[in-house]
Amino acid sequence: MHHLHIIFQIGIIFMLSVGEILKKQREKLSIELNQVEKQIKVRQKFLKAIEENNWNIFTSKVYVEGIINNYSKFLELDSRKTLAFFRRDYEKQEIIKFKSRVVSRYLTPETKKIVLTLLILVFLLFIGYFGYQLKLYFSPPKITILAPKVETFKKADRVKILGKTEKDAAITIFGERIYQNESGIFEFNFPLHKGKNELVIEVIGANGRKAIIKKDYFRRE
C-alpha cells in the first residue's frame, strides 16, 4: 500500500485532479477502460469523462461521486481520499453544470414532433396576443349607442342617450364633459328641436386616440 500513499502525496504536491489521479493509477496497473467497464458496470464514456474531469455529461454530483467511489476501490485507491479531491475541486464552486436530465436523445420522434408543435403554437399565440395589444394601443376607442333604438320621435323635447365606451376614455358632447361608470356606460339628455337634430359624441381614449360618432334624430310634430 506504500505506492498508494505516494500517489496521494504526489497528488497533493502537484494539486492533481481526481481524474488525473484515477487515470495515473489505472495506467500504472496496466488496466484498460474496457476492463474497468466490465468490472464496475460503468460505460467507458463515463469513465473517460471522469478521468478528463468532464462533468457536463452527468446528471448530478451524486452520480459522479458514486462512480468515483467504485472506480477508486477497483483501482485499490482510498475512495475517501479521491472523493475528497473531487469535493476540493468542485464542491466550493457556486455552480456545477451538469447535463439536464431530460435530453433530446431520450425523446421519441413522435414526442419531438409534439413538443415542436406546442412550441410553435405558444409562439403563434404570443405573436397574436402581442399584435392584438398593439392594435388596441393604436386604435381609437369604440363608441356604441345603446339607446334609443329609434331615430324619430313625436312631440318629444328631449331624449335620453345611453352609450358605452372605454371606462378610461374622455367623453365630450357639445363641449360638455360626460362621465361614464366603471362599465364605460354614459348618459346624456339630448334636447330635440323640430326636424333634424345631429348628435356628435367625441371620445379620446387612454392612448390619446380620438373617435367621433355622429347620429341624426328627428322630431315630428
C-alpha atoms as a PDB file:
ATOM      1  CA  MET A   1       0.000   0.000   0.000  1.00  0.00           C
ATOM      2  CA  HIS A   2       3.079   2.218   0.158  1.00  0.00           C
ATOM      3  CA  HIS A   3       2.791   3.140  -3.528  1.00  0.00           C
ATOM      4  CA  LEU A   4      -0.798   4.294  -2.978  1.00  0.00           C
ATOM      5  CA  HIS A   5       0.354   6.652  -0.282  1.00  0.00           C
ATOM      6  CA  ILE A   6       2.987   8.017  -2.658  1.00  0.00           C
ATOM      7  CA  ILE A   7       0.350   8.658  -5.338  1.00  0.00           C
ATOM      8  CA  PHE A   8      -1.769  10.692  -2.964  1.00  0.00           C
ATOM      9  CA  GLN A   9       1.268  12.580  -1.719  1.00  0.00           C
ATOM     10  CA  ILE A  10       2.218  13.420  -5.301  1.00  0.00           C
ATOM     11  CA  GLY A  11      -1.389  14.436  -5.964  1.00  0.00           C
ATOM     12  CA  ILE A  12      -1.309  16.797  -3.031  1.00  0.00           C
ATOM     13  CA  ILE A  13       2.052  18.264  -4.013  1.00  0.00           C
ATOM     14  CA  PHE A  14       1.124  18.913  -7.630  1.00  0.00           C
ATOM     15  CA  MET A  15      -2.577  19.512  -6.930  1.00  0.00           C
ATOM     16  CA  LEU A  16      -3.670  16.789  -9.315  1.00  0.00           C
ATOM     17  CA  SER A  17      -7.352  16.466 -10.061  1.00  0.00           C
ATOM     18  CA  VAL A  18      -9.293  13.350  -9.120  1.00  0.00           C
ATOM     19  CA  GLY A  19      -9.475  12.387 -12.798  1.00  0.00           C
ATOM     20  CA  GLU A  20      -5.710  12.584 -13.185  1.00  0.00           C
ATOM     21  CA  ILE A  21      -5.165  10.504 -10.030  1.00  0.00           C
ATOM     22  CA  LEU A  22      -7.501   7.769 -11.254  1.00  0.00           C
ATOM     23  CA  LYS A  23      -6.012   7.733 -14.742  1.00  0.00           C
ATOM     24  CA  LYS A  24      -2.413   7.554 -13.477  1.00  0.00           C
ATOM     25  CA  GLN A  25      -3.295   4.678 -11.155  1.00  0.00           C
ATOM     26  CA  ARG A  26      -5.113   2.789 -13.931  1.00  0.00           C
ATOM     27  CA  GLU A  27      -2.162   3.198 -16.290  1.00  0.00           C
ATOM     28  CA  LYS A  28       0.233   2.194 -13.514  1.00  0.00           C
ATOM     29  CA  LEU A  29      -1.729  -1.050 -13.099  1.00  0.00           C
ATOM     30  CA  SER A  30      -1.875  -1.506 -16.913  1.00  0.00           C
ATOM     31  CA  ILE A  31      -5.680  -1.698 -16.904  1.00  0.00           C
ATOM     32  CA  GLU A  32      -7.743  -0.717 -19.938  1.00  0.00           C
ATOM     33  CA  LEU A  33     -11.004   1.215 -19.692  1.00  0.00           C
ATOM     34  CA  ASN A  34     -12.971  -1.700 -21.135  1.00  0.00           C
ATOM     35  CA  GLN A  35     -11.758  -3.851 -18.227  1.00  0.00           C
ATOM     36  CA  VAL A  36     -12.961  -1.257 -15.745  1.00  0.00           C
ATOM     37  CA  GLU A  37     -16.296  -1.068 -17.562  1.00  0.00           C
ATOM     38  CA  LYS A  38     -16.844  -4.824 -17.182  1.00  0.00           C
ATOM     39  CA  GLN A  39     -15.872  -4.867 -13.521  1.00  0.00           C
ATOM     40  CA  ILE A  40     -17.774  -1.858 -12.129  1.00  0.00           C
ATOM     41  CA  LYS A  41     -20.589  -1.786 -14.748  1.00  0.00           C
ATOM     42  CA  VAL A  42     -19.988   1.808 -15.839  1.00  0.00           C
ATOM     43  CA  ARG A  43     -19.781   2.705 -19.534  1.00  0.00           C
ATOM     44  CA  GLN A  44     -16.385   3.714 -20.888  1.00  0.00           C
ATOM     45  CA  LYS A  45     -17.533   7.153 -21.956  1.00  0.00           C
ATOM     46  CA  PHE A  46     -18.402   7.984 -18.341  1.00  0.00           C
ATOM     47  CA  LEU A  47     -15.122   6.594 -17.068  1.00  0.00           C
ATOM     48  CA  LYS A  48     -13.259   8.637 -19.683  1.00  0.00           C
ATOM     49  CA  ALA A  49     -15.241  11.732 -18.663  1.00  0.00           C
ATOM     50  CA  ILE A  50     -14.230  11.134 -15.037  1.00  0.00           C
ATOM     51  CA  GLU A  51     -10.580  10.890 -15.989  1.00  0.00           C
ATOM     52  CA  GLU A  52     -10.859  14.066 -18.075  1.00  0.00           C
ATOM     53  CA  ASN A  53     -12.760  15.888 -15.308  1.00  0.00           C
ATOM     54  CA  ASN A  54     -15.606  16.478 -17.707  1.00  0.00           C
ATOM     55  CA  TRP A  55     -18.695  16.743 -15.503  1.00  0.00           C
ATOM     56  CA  ASN A  56     -21.043  18.237 -18.097  1.00  0.00           C
ATOM     57  CA  ILE A  57     -22.321  14.879 -19.328  1.00  0.00           C
ATOM     58  CA  PHE A  58     -23.505  13.775 -15.872  1.00  0.00           C
ATOM     59  CA  THR A  59     -26.921  14.445 -14.404  1.00  0.00           C
ATOM     60  CA  SER A  60     -25.833  15.080 -10.821  1.00  0.00           C
ATOM     61  CA  LYS A  61     -22.891  15.318  -8.435  1.00  0.00           C
ATOM     62  CA  VAL A  62     -24.177  12.281  -6.530  1.00  0.00           C
ATOM     63  CA  TYR A  63     -23.844  10.127  -9.648  1.00  0.00           C
ATOM     64  CA  VAL A  64     -20.261  11.323 -10.184  1.00  0.00           C
ATOM     65  CA  GLU A  65     -19.381  10.537  -6.577  1.00  0.00           C
ATOM     66  CA  GLY A  66     -20.803   7.025  -6.950  1.00  0.00           C
ATOM     67  CA  ILE A  67     -18.633   6.302  -9.978  1.00  0.00           C
ATOM     68  CA  ILE A  68     -15.529   7.759  -8.328  1.00  0.00           C
ATOM     69  CA  ASN A  69     -16.169   5.641  -5.239  1.00  0.00           C
ATOM     70  CA  ASN A  70     -16.428   2.372  -7.202  1.00  0.00           C
ATOM     71  CA  TYR A  71     -13.631   3.278  -9.598  1.00  0.00           C
ATOM     72  CA  SER A  72     -11.279   4.078  -6.708  1.00  0.00           C
ATOM     73  CA  LYS A  73     -11.977   0.783  -4.937  1.00  0.00           C
ATOM     74  CA  PHE A  74     -11.373  -1.154  -8.155  1.00  0.00           C
ATOM     75  CA  LEU A  75      -8.008   0.601  -8.561  1.00  0.00           C
ATOM     76  CA  GLU A  76      -7.197  -0.094  -4.904  1.00  0.00           C
ATOM     77  CA  LEU A  77      -7.252   3.583  -4.021  1.00  0.00           C
ATOM     78  CA  ASP A  78      -8.715   5.040  -0.873  1.00  0.00           C
ATOM     79  CA  SER A  79     -12.147   6.229  -2.073  1.00  0.00           C
ATOM     80  CA  ARG A  80     -12.396   8.657   0.838  1.00  0.00           C
ATOM     81  CA  LYS A  81      -9.322  10.476  -0.414  1.00  0.00           C
ATOM     82  CA  THR A  82     -10.313  10.519  -4.080  1.00  0.00           C
ATOM     83  CA  LEU A  83     -13.739  11.839  -3.157  1.00  0.00           C
ATOM     84  CA  ALA A  84     -12.029  14.465  -1.035  1.00  0.00           C
ATOM     85  CA  PHE A  85     -10.091  15.570  -4.129  1.00  0.00           C
ATOM     86  CA  PHE A  86     -13.321  15.758  -6.097  1.00  0.00           C
ATOM     87  CA  ARG A  87     -15.048  17.849  -3.408  1.00  0.00           C
ATOM     88  CA  ARG A  88     -11.985  20.035  -3.026  1.00  0.00           C
ATOM     89  CA  ASP A  89     -12.012  20.918  -6.706  1.00  0.00           C
ATOM     90  CA  TYR A  90     -15.732  21.258  -7.281  1.00  0.00           C
ATOM     91  CA  GLU A  91     -17.814  21.495  -4.128  1.00  0.00           C
ATOM     92  CA  LYS A  92     -16.528  25.016  -3.451  1.00  0.00           C
ATOM     93  CA  GLN A  93     -17.743  26.228  -6.818  1.00  0.00           C
ATOM     94  CA  GLU A  94     -21.068  28.054  -6.770  1.00  0.00           C
ATOM     95  CA  ILE A  95     -22.355  26.232  -9.851  1.00  0.00           C
ATOM     96  CA  ILE A  96     -21.528  22.824 -11.276  1.00  0.00           C
ATOM     97  CA  LYS A  97     -23.015  22.497 -14.702  1.00  0.00           C
ATOM     98  CA  PHE A  98     -24.377  19.022 -15.151  1.00  0.00           C
ATOM     99  CA  LYS A  99     -26.289  17.869 -18.175  1.00  0.00           C
ATOM    100  CA  SER A 100     -30.047  18.244 -17.984  1.00  0.00           C
ATOM    101  CA  ARG A 101     -31.898  15.091 -17.000  1.00  0.00           C
ATOM    102  CA  VAL A 102     -34.181  15.458 -19.994  1.00  0.00           C
ATOM    103  CA  VAL A 103     -32.257  15.484 -23.249  1.00  0.00           C
ATOM    104  CA  SER A 104     -33.472  15.277 -26.791  1.00  0.00           C
ATOM    105  CA  ARG A 105     -31.942  11.871 -27.474  1.00  0.00           C
ATOM    106  CA  TYR A 106     -34.326  10.304 -24.944  1.00  0.00           C
ATOM    107  CA  LEU A 107     -37.324  11.726 -26.762  1.00  0.00           C
ATOM    108  CA  THR A 108     -39.059   9.672 -29.409  1.00  0.00           C
ATOM    109  CA  PRO A 109     -39.628  11.233 -32.865  1.00  0.00           C
ATOM    110  CA  GLU A 110     -43.337  11.468 -32.065  1.00  0.00           C
ATOM    111  CA  THR A 111     -42.614  13.261 -28.780  1.00  0.00           C
ATOM    112  CA  LYS A 112     -40.253  15.652 -30.555  1.00  0.00           C
ATOM    113  CA  LYS A 113     -42.988  16.491 -33.054  1.00  0.00           C
ATOM    114  CA  ILE A 114     -45.480  17.145 -30.253  1.00  0.00           C
ATOM    115  CA  VAL A 115     -43.005  19.348 -28.377  1.00  0.00           C
ATOM    116  CA  LEU A 116     -42.162  21.264 -31.567  1.00  0.00           C
ATOM    117  CA  THR A 117     -45.852  21.721 -32.374  1.00  0.00           C
ATOM    118  CA  LEU A 118     -46.559  23.010 -28.872  1.00  0.00           C
ATOM    119  CA  LEU A 119     -43.645  25.436 -29.090  1.00  0.00           C
ATOM    120  CA  ILE A 120     -44.924  26.738 -32.424  1.00  0.00           C
ATOM    121  CA  LEU A 121     -48.443  27.144 -31.016  1.00  0.00           C
ATOM    122  CA  VAL A 122     -47.122  29.028 -27.978  1.00  0.00           C
ATOM    123  CA  PHE A 123     -45.079  31.260 -30.280  1.00  0.00           C
ATOM    124  CA  LEU A 124     -48.079  31.966 -32.520  1.00  0.00           C
ATOM    125  CA  LEU A 125     -50.285  32.688 -29.516  1.00  0.00           C
ATOM    126  CA  PHE A 126     -47.690  35.092 -28.192  1.00  0.00           C
ATOM    127  CA  ILE A 127     -47.409  36.858 -31.556  1.00  0.00           C
ATOM    128  CA  GLY A 128     -51.209  37.033 -31.831  1.00  0.00           C
ATOM    129  CA  TYR A 129     -51.595  38.432 -28.334  1.00  0.00           C
ATOM    130  CA  PHE A 130     -48.807  40.945 -28.895  1.00  0.00           C
ATOM    131  CA  GLY A 131     -50.379  42.042 -32.185  1.00  0.00           C
ATOM    132  CA  TYR A 132     -53.781  42.363 -30.544  1.00  0.00           C
ATOM    133  CA  GLN A 133     -52.325  44.540 -27.793  1.00  0.00           C
ATOM    134  CA  LEU A 134     -50.615  46.742 -30.388  1.00  0.00           C
ATOM    135  CA  LYS A 135     -53.886  47.097 -32.267  1.00  0.00           C
ATOM    136  CA  LEU A 136     -55.655  48.126 -29.081  1.00  0.00           C
ATOM    137  CA  TYR A 137     -52.944  50.632 -28.295  1.00  0.00           C
ATOM    138  CA  PHE A 138     -53.027  52.332 -31.679  1.00  0.00           C
ATOM    139  CA  SER A 139     -56.762  52.063 -32.301  1.00  0.00           C
ATOM    140  CA  PRO A 140     -59.254  54.827 -31.395  1.00  0.00           C
ATOM    141  CA  PRO A 141     -61.790  53.993 -28.692  1.00  0.00           C
ATOM    142  CA  LYS A 142     -65.040  52.303 -29.690  1.00  0.00           C
ATOM    143  CA  ILE A 143     -68.355  54.056 -29.117  1.00  0.00           C
ATOM    144  CA  THR A 144     -71.665  52.220 -29.041  1.00  0.00           C
ATOM    145  CA  ILE A 145     -75.077  53.867 -28.684  1.00  0.00           C
ATOM    146  CA  LEU A 146     -77.234  51.514 -26.665  1.00  0.00           C
ATOM    147  CA  ALA A 147     -80.422  53.584 -26.651  1.00  0.00           C
ATOM    148  CA  PRO A 148     -82.671  54.809 -28.072  1.00  0.00           C
ATOM    149  CA  LYS A 149     -83.226  52.195 -30.743  1.00  0.00           C
ATOM    150  CA  VAL A 150     -85.356  54.534 -32.893  1.00  0.00           C
ATOM    151  CA  GLU A 151     -84.393  57.785 -34.590  1.00  0.00           C
ATOM    152  CA  THR A 152     -87.742  59.553 -34.951  1.00  0.00           C
ATOM    153  CA  PHE A 153     -89.805  60.961 -32.065  1.00  0.00           C
ATOM    154  CA  LYS A 154     -93.172  62.756 -31.912  1.00  0.00           C
ATOM    155  CA  LYS A 155     -93.546  65.868 -29.774  1.00  0.00           C
ATOM    156  CA  ALA A 156     -90.511  64.981 -27.598  1.00  0.00           C
ATOM    157  CA  ASP A 157     -88.478  67.841 -26.126  1.00  0.00           C
ATOM    158  CA  ARG A 158     -85.519  65.659 -25.344  1.00  0.00           C
ATOM    159  CA  VAL A 159     -84.351  62.067 -25.485  1.00  0.00           C
ATOM    160  CA  LYS A 160     -82.026  60.128 -23.185  1.00  0.00           C
ATOM    161  CA  ILE A 161     -78.937  58.885 -24.977  1.00  0.00           C
ATOM    162  CA  LEU A 162     -77.361  55.809 -23.452  1.00  0.00           C
ATOM    163  CA  GLY A 163     -73.943  54.860 -24.761  1.00  0.00           C
ATOM    164  CA  LYS A 164     -70.886  52.803 -23.969  1.00  0.00           C
ATOM    165  CA  THR A 165     -67.143  53.262 -24.483  1.00  0.00           C
ATOM    166  CA  GLU A 166     -63.882  52.572 -22.669  1.00  0.00           C
ATOM    167  CA  LYS A 167     -64.023  53.297 -18.957  1.00  0.00           C
ATOM    168  CA  ASP A 168     -60.793  55.349 -19.107  1.00  0.00           C
ATOM    169  CA  ALA A 169     -61.834  57.420 -22.123  1.00  0.00           C
ATOM    170  CA  ALA A 170     -62.806  61.126 -22.004  1.00  0.00           C
ATOM    171  CA  ILE A 171     -66.285  61.818 -23.467  1.00  0.00           C
ATOM    172  CA  THR A 172     -67.389  65.207 -24.756  1.00  0.00           C
ATOM    173  CA  ILE A 173     -70.833  66.067 -26.181  1.00  0.00           C
ATOM    174  CA  PHE A 174     -71.337  69.630 -27.449  1.00  0.00           C
ATOM    175  CA  GLY A 175     -68.442  70.825 -25.318  1.00  0.00           C
ATOM    176  CA  GLU A 176     -69.803  69.196 -22.162  1.00  0.00           C
ATOM    177  CA  ARG A 177     -67.676  66.597 -20.392  1.00  0.00           C
ATOM    178  CA  ILE A 178     -69.698  63.440 -19.800  1.00  0.00           C
ATOM    179  CA  TYR A 179     -68.611  60.818 -17.281  1.00  0.00           C
ATOM    180  CA  GLN A 180     -69.129  57.083 -17.619  1.00  0.00           C
ATOM    181  CA  ASN A 181     -69.391  54.459 -14.885  1.00  0.00           C
ATOM    182  CA  GLU A 182     -66.993  51.571 -14.228  1.00  0.00           C
ATOM    183  CA  SER A 183     -68.568  49.640 -17.086  1.00  0.00           C
ATOM    184  CA  GLY A 184     -67.998  52.511 -19.508  1.00  0.00           C
ATOM    185  CA  ILE A 185     -71.716  53.354 -19.789  1.00  0.00           C
ATOM    186  CA  PHE A 186     -72.720  57.021 -20.003  1.00  0.00           C
ATOM    187  CA  GLU A 187     -75.977  59.009 -20.274  1.00  0.00           C
ATOM    188  CA  PHE A 188     -76.847  62.287 -21.955  1.00  0.00           C
ATOM    189  CA  ASN A 189     -80.151  64.115 -22.205  1.00  0.00           C
ATOM    190  CA  PHE A 190     -80.230  65.265 -25.799  1.00  0.00           C
ATOM    191  CA  PRO A 191     -82.609  68.199 -26.475  1.00  0.00           C
ATOM    192  CA  LEU A 192     -84.688  67.818 -29.630  1.00  0.00           C
ATOM    193  CA  HIS A 193     -85.841  70.594 -31.907  1.00  0.00           C
ATOM    194  CA  LYS A 194     -88.322  70.295 -34.729  1.00  0.00           C
ATOM    195  CA  GLY A 195     -86.840  68.464 -37.676  1.00  0.00           C
ATOM    196  CA  LYS A 196     -83.361  67.050 -37.848  1.00  0.00           C
ATOM    197  CA  ASN A 197     -81.060  67.002 -34.784  1.00  0.00           C
ATOM    198  CA  GLU A 198     -77.433  65.892 -35.145  1.00  0.00           C
ATOM    199  CA  LEU A 199     -75.779  64.279 -32.143  1.00  0.00           C
ATOM    200  CA  VAL A 200     -71.972  64.439 -32.086  1.00  0.00           C
ATOM    201  CA  ILE A 201     -70.029  62.436 -29.497  1.00  0.00           C
ATOM    202  CA  GLU A 202     -66.264  62.842 -29.196  1.00  0.00           C
ATOM    203  CA  VAL A 203     -64.215  60.311 -27.262  1.00  0.00           C
ATOM    204  CA  ILE A 204     -60.475  60.399 -26.537  1.00  0.00           C
ATOM    205  CA  GLY A 205     -59.034  57.073 -25.383  1.00  0.00           C
ATOM    206  CA  ALA A 206     -56.349  56.484 -22.790  1.00  0.00           C
ATOM    207  CA  ASN A 207     -53.871  56.056 -25.672  1.00  0.00           C
ATOM    208  CA  GLY A 208     -54.657  59.602 -26.914  1.00  0.00           C
ATOM    209  CA  ARG A 209     -56.541  58.401 -29.982  1.00  0.00           C
ATOM    210  CA  LYS A 210     -59.749  60.223 -30.844  1.00  0.00           C
ATOM    211  CA  ALA A 211     -63.058  58.851 -32.129  1.00  0.00           C
ATOM    212  CA  ILE A 212     -66.135  60.769 -33.252  1.00  0.00           C
ATOM    213  CA  ILE A 213     -69.596  59.358 -33.800  1.00  0.00           C
ATOM    214  CA  LYS A 214     -72.461  61.284 -35.386  1.00  0.00           C
ATOM    215  CA  LYS A 215     -76.101  60.302 -35.413  1.00  0.00           C
ATOM    216  CA  ASP A 216     -79.263  62.087 -36.555  1.00  0.00           C
ATOM    217  CA  TYR A 217     -82.521  62.129 -34.590  1.00  0.00           C
ATOM    218  CA  PHE A 218     -85.795  63.610 -35.876  1.00  0.00           C
ATOM    219  CA  ARG A 219     -88.664  65.298 -34.097  1.00  0.00           C
ATOM    220  CA  ARG A 220     -92.093  65.219 -35.729  1.00  0.00           C
ATOM    221  CA  GLU A 221     -94.998  67.334 -34.629  1.00  0.00           C
END
